[in-house]
N, C-alpha and C. Protein backbone atom coordinates (compact mmCIF):
# COMPACT_ATOMS: atom_id res chain seq x y z
N UNK A 1 105.65 109.27 132.05
CA UNK A 1 105.85 107.76 131.55
C UNK A 1 106.55 108.05 130.85
N UNK A 2 107.45 106.47 130.99
CA UNK A 2 108.39 106.27 130.36
C UNK A 2 108.17 105.54 129.26
N UNK A 3 107.86 105.49 127.92
CA UNK A 3 107.35 104.76 126.97
C UNK A 3 108.66 103.94 125.98
N UNK A 4 108.18 103.07 125.93
CA UNK A 4 109.18 102.14 124.95
C UNK A 4 108.56 101.93 123.66
N UNK A 5 109.49 102.10 122.61
CA UNK A 5 108.83 101.16 121.43
C UNK A 5 109.71 100.58 120.72
N UNK A 6 109.01 99.26 120.52
CA UNK A 6 109.80 97.95 120.33
C UNK A 6 109.51 97.78 118.44
N UNK A 7 110.46 97.13 118.40
CA UNK A 7 110.51 96.77 116.60
C UNK A 7 110.50 97.97 115.57
N UNK A 8 111.07 98.77 115.95
CA UNK A 8 111.33 100.08 114.98
C UNK A 8 112.80 100.35 114.34
N UNK A 9 112.67 100.13 112.96
CA UNK A 9 113.66 100.17 112.33
C UNK A 9 114.91 101.54 113.01
N UNK A 10 115.98 101.33 112.64
CA UNK A 10 116.96 102.35 113.38
C UNK A 10 117.13 103.53 112.36
N UNK A 11 116.68 103.50 111.18
CA UNK A 11 116.48 104.78 110.16
C UNK A 11 115.29 105.52 110.78
N UNK A 12 114.40 105.23 111.75
CA UNK A 12 113.59 106.07 112.61
C UNK A 12 113.35 106.43 113.60
N UNK A 13 114.78 106.08 113.89
CA UNK A 13 115.20 106.50 115.43
C UNK A 13 115.68 108.03 115.61
N UNK A 14 115.39 108.94 114.94
CA UNK A 14 115.78 110.39 114.69
C UNK A 14 114.62 110.93 115.71
N UNK A 15 115.38 111.70 116.69
CA UNK A 15 114.43 112.69 117.53
C UNK A 15 113.05 112.84 117.09
N UNK A 16 113.55 113.84 115.82
CA UNK A 16 111.86 114.32 115.26
C UNK A 16 110.91 112.93 114.59
N UNK A 17 111.52 112.07 114.53
CA UNK A 17 110.79 111.04 114.22
C UNK A 17 109.99 110.03 115.27
N UNK A 18 110.81 109.89 115.99
CA UNK A 18 110.51 109.68 117.60
C UNK A 18 109.37 110.06 118.51
N UNK A 19 109.55 111.85 118.11
CA UNK A 19 108.62 112.44 119.02
C UNK A 19 107.31 112.80 117.98
N UNK A 20 107.13 112.45 116.39
CA UNK A 20 105.69 112.03 115.90
C UNK A 20 105.09 110.97 116.47
N UNK A 21 106.04 109.99 116.32
CA UNK A 21 105.06 108.86 116.95
C UNK A 21 104.81 109.11 118.00
N UNK A 22 105.43 109.54 118.84
CA UNK A 22 104.98 109.59 120.23
C UNK A 22 103.82 110.52 120.87
N UNK A 23 103.71 111.37 119.86
CA UNK A 23 102.54 112.38 119.64
C UNK A 23 101.25 112.17 119.72
N UNK A 24 101.39 110.43 119.03
CA UNK A 24 99.81 110.06 119.18
C UNK A 24 99.33 109.42 120.12
N UNK A 25 100.71 109.41 121.24
CA UNK A 25 99.74 108.81 122.37
C UNK A 25 99.84 110.07 123.31
N UNK A 26 100.69 111.30 123.54
CA UNK A 26 100.46 112.55 123.99
C UNK A 26 101.55 113.07 123.57
N UNK A 27 102.09 113.93 124.79
CA UNK A 27 103.10 114.92 124.67
C UNK A 27 104.72 114.34 124.99
N UNK A 28 105.57 114.36 123.95
CA UNK A 28 106.64 113.95 124.34
C UNK A 28 107.74 114.82 125.01
N UNK A 29 108.81 114.61 126.02
CA UNK A 29 109.10 115.40 126.57
C UNK A 29 110.78 115.39 126.30
N UNK A 30 111.49 114.13 126.57
CA UNK A 30 112.59 113.89 126.10
C UNK A 30 113.10 112.56 125.87
N UNK A 31 113.78 112.44 124.71
CA UNK A 31 114.69 110.86 124.48
C UNK A 31 115.39 110.52 125.45
N UNK A 32 115.76 109.17 126.21
CA UNK A 32 116.35 108.98 127.10
C UNK A 32 117.93 108.65 126.32
N UNK A 33 118.97 108.74 127.11
CA UNK A 33 120.35 108.91 126.68
C UNK A 33 120.54 107.89 125.64
N UNK A 34 120.08 106.71 125.99
CA UNK A 34 120.55 105.43 125.27
C UNK A 34 119.81 105.43 123.82
N UNK A 35 118.88 106.10 123.68
CA UNK A 35 118.12 105.95 122.74
C UNK A 35 118.77 107.41 122.03
N UNK A 36 119.02 108.37 122.50
CA UNK A 36 119.96 109.48 121.90
C UNK A 36 121.11 108.83 120.91
N UNK A 37 121.77 108.18 121.80
CA UNK A 37 122.90 107.87 121.31
C UNK A 37 122.90 106.16 120.84
N UNK A 38 121.88 105.79 120.46
CA UNK A 38 121.96 104.64 120.00
C UNK A 38 122.77 103.36 120.26
N UNK A 39 123.11 103.48 121.50
CA UNK A 39 123.84 102.71 122.42
C UNK A 39 123.41 101.67 122.78
N UNK A 40 121.78 101.08 122.93
CA UNK A 40 121.42 99.96 123.43
C UNK A 40 120.62 99.20 121.81
N UNK A 41 119.51 100.00 121.60
CA UNK A 41 119.21 99.28 120.08
C UNK A 41 118.20 98.34 119.92
N UNK A 42 117.54 97.73 121.34
CA UNK A 42 116.40 96.87 121.10
C UNK A 42 114.98 97.83 121.21
N UNK A 43 115.06 98.86 121.70
CA UNK A 43 113.76 99.59 121.74
C UNK A 43 114.41 101.16 122.15
N UNK A 44 113.52 102.07 121.55
CA UNK A 44 113.22 103.18 121.84
C UNK A 44 112.77 103.79 123.04
N UNK A 45 113.16 104.21 123.76
CA UNK A 45 112.39 105.16 125.15
C UNK A 45 112.37 106.66 125.29
N UNK A 46 111.03 106.92 125.34
CA UNK A 46 110.59 108.49 125.68
C UNK A 46 109.85 108.58 126.62
N UNK A 47 110.19 109.55 127.23
CA UNK A 47 109.44 110.29 128.47
C UNK A 47 108.21 111.28 128.03
N UNK A 48 107.22 110.62 128.42
CA UNK A 48 105.70 111.27 127.92
C UNK A 48 104.97 111.78 128.76
N UNK A 49 104.69 112.88 128.64
CA UNK A 49 103.95 113.57 129.87
C UNK A 49 102.10 113.07 129.28
N UNK A 50 102.14 112.14 130.10
CA UNK A 50 100.66 111.32 129.60
C UNK A 50 99.55 111.74 130.69
N UNK A 51 98.38 112.28 130.31
CA UNK A 51 97.51 112.43 130.71
C UNK A 51 96.56 111.30 131.35
N UNK A 52 96.66 110.91 132.64
CA UNK A 52 96.20 109.39 133.24
C UNK A 52 94.57 109.50 133.25
N UNK A 53 93.90 110.51 133.17
CA UNK A 53 92.79 110.76 133.31
C UNK A 53 91.84 110.02 132.10
N UNK A 54 92.41 110.24 130.77
CA UNK A 54 91.72 109.49 129.86
C UNK A 54 92.15 108.01 129.74
N UNK A 55 91.60 107.61 128.57
CA UNK A 55 91.87 106.21 128.53
C UNK A 55 93.42 105.75 128.05
N UNK A 56 93.92 104.96 128.41
CA UNK A 56 95.16 104.62 127.87
C UNK A 56 95.04 103.46 126.56
N UNK A 57 95.99 103.93 125.92
CA UNK A 57 96.07 102.88 124.36
C UNK A 57 96.45 101.78 124.46
N UNK A 58 95.95 100.71 124.34
CA UNK A 58 96.90 99.57 124.16
C UNK A 58 97.30 98.96 122.81
N UNK A 59 97.15 100.01 121.73
CA UNK A 59 98.12 99.94 120.41
C UNK A 59 97.70 101.25 119.67
N UNK A 60 98.60 101.56 119.02
CA UNK A 60 98.51 102.48 118.00
C UNK A 60 99.12 102.19 116.69
N UNK A 61 98.54 102.84 115.59
CA UNK A 61 99.57 102.40 114.26
C UNK A 61 100.29 103.45 114.09
N UNK A 62 101.56 103.54 113.54
CA UNK A 62 102.24 104.28 113.11
C UNK A 62 102.28 103.95 111.26
N UNK A 63 102.58 105.23 110.90
CA UNK A 63 102.28 105.02 109.21
C UNK A 63 103.69 106.11 109.06
N UNK A 64 104.29 105.79 107.83
CA UNK A 64 105.36 106.26 107.20
C UNK A 64 104.96 106.50 105.35
N UNK A 65 105.62 106.97 104.71
CA UNK A 65 105.45 106.40 103.40
C UNK A 65 106.00 104.93 103.34
N UNK A 66 105.48 104.31 102.59
CA UNK A 66 105.85 102.75 102.40
C UNK A 66 106.55 102.08 103.50
N UNK A 67 105.82 102.37 104.53
CA UNK A 67 105.70 101.68 106.14
C UNK A 67 104.83 101.82 106.92
N UNK A 68 104.28 100.81 107.77
CA UNK A 68 103.17 101.28 108.61
C UNK A 68 103.44 99.86 109.63
N UNK A 69 103.16 99.88 110.82
CA UNK A 69 103.30 98.91 111.79
C UNK A 69 102.34 99.22 113.10
N UNK A 70 101.79 98.06 113.50
CA UNK A 70 101.01 98.20 114.63
C UNK A 70 101.52 98.23 115.99
N UNK A 71 101.75 99.02 117.13
CA UNK A 71 102.00 98.77 118.01
C UNK A 71 101.44 98.40 119.26
N UNK A 72 101.62 97.11 119.73
CA UNK A 72 100.53 96.92 120.81
C UNK A 72 101.66 96.69 122.45
N UNK A 73 100.77 97.32 123.38
CA UNK A 73 101.33 97.11 124.40
C UNK A 73 101.37 95.89 125.30
């Protein structure tokens, strides 16, 4: 499944941070090319190996030092 992360500050767009955020949903596989190169910038996209037999999240909390936000689908 391709997951889009909206409203994320550019300083949090590193592959390591994006993968850490996505681990809150399931197992990240790869960033799309526009996200890697930051050529688009409105949202980050990550391919995720998602277990569809479980409950799907409608929101999750992203926390970092002095920064937190809820992401809702």
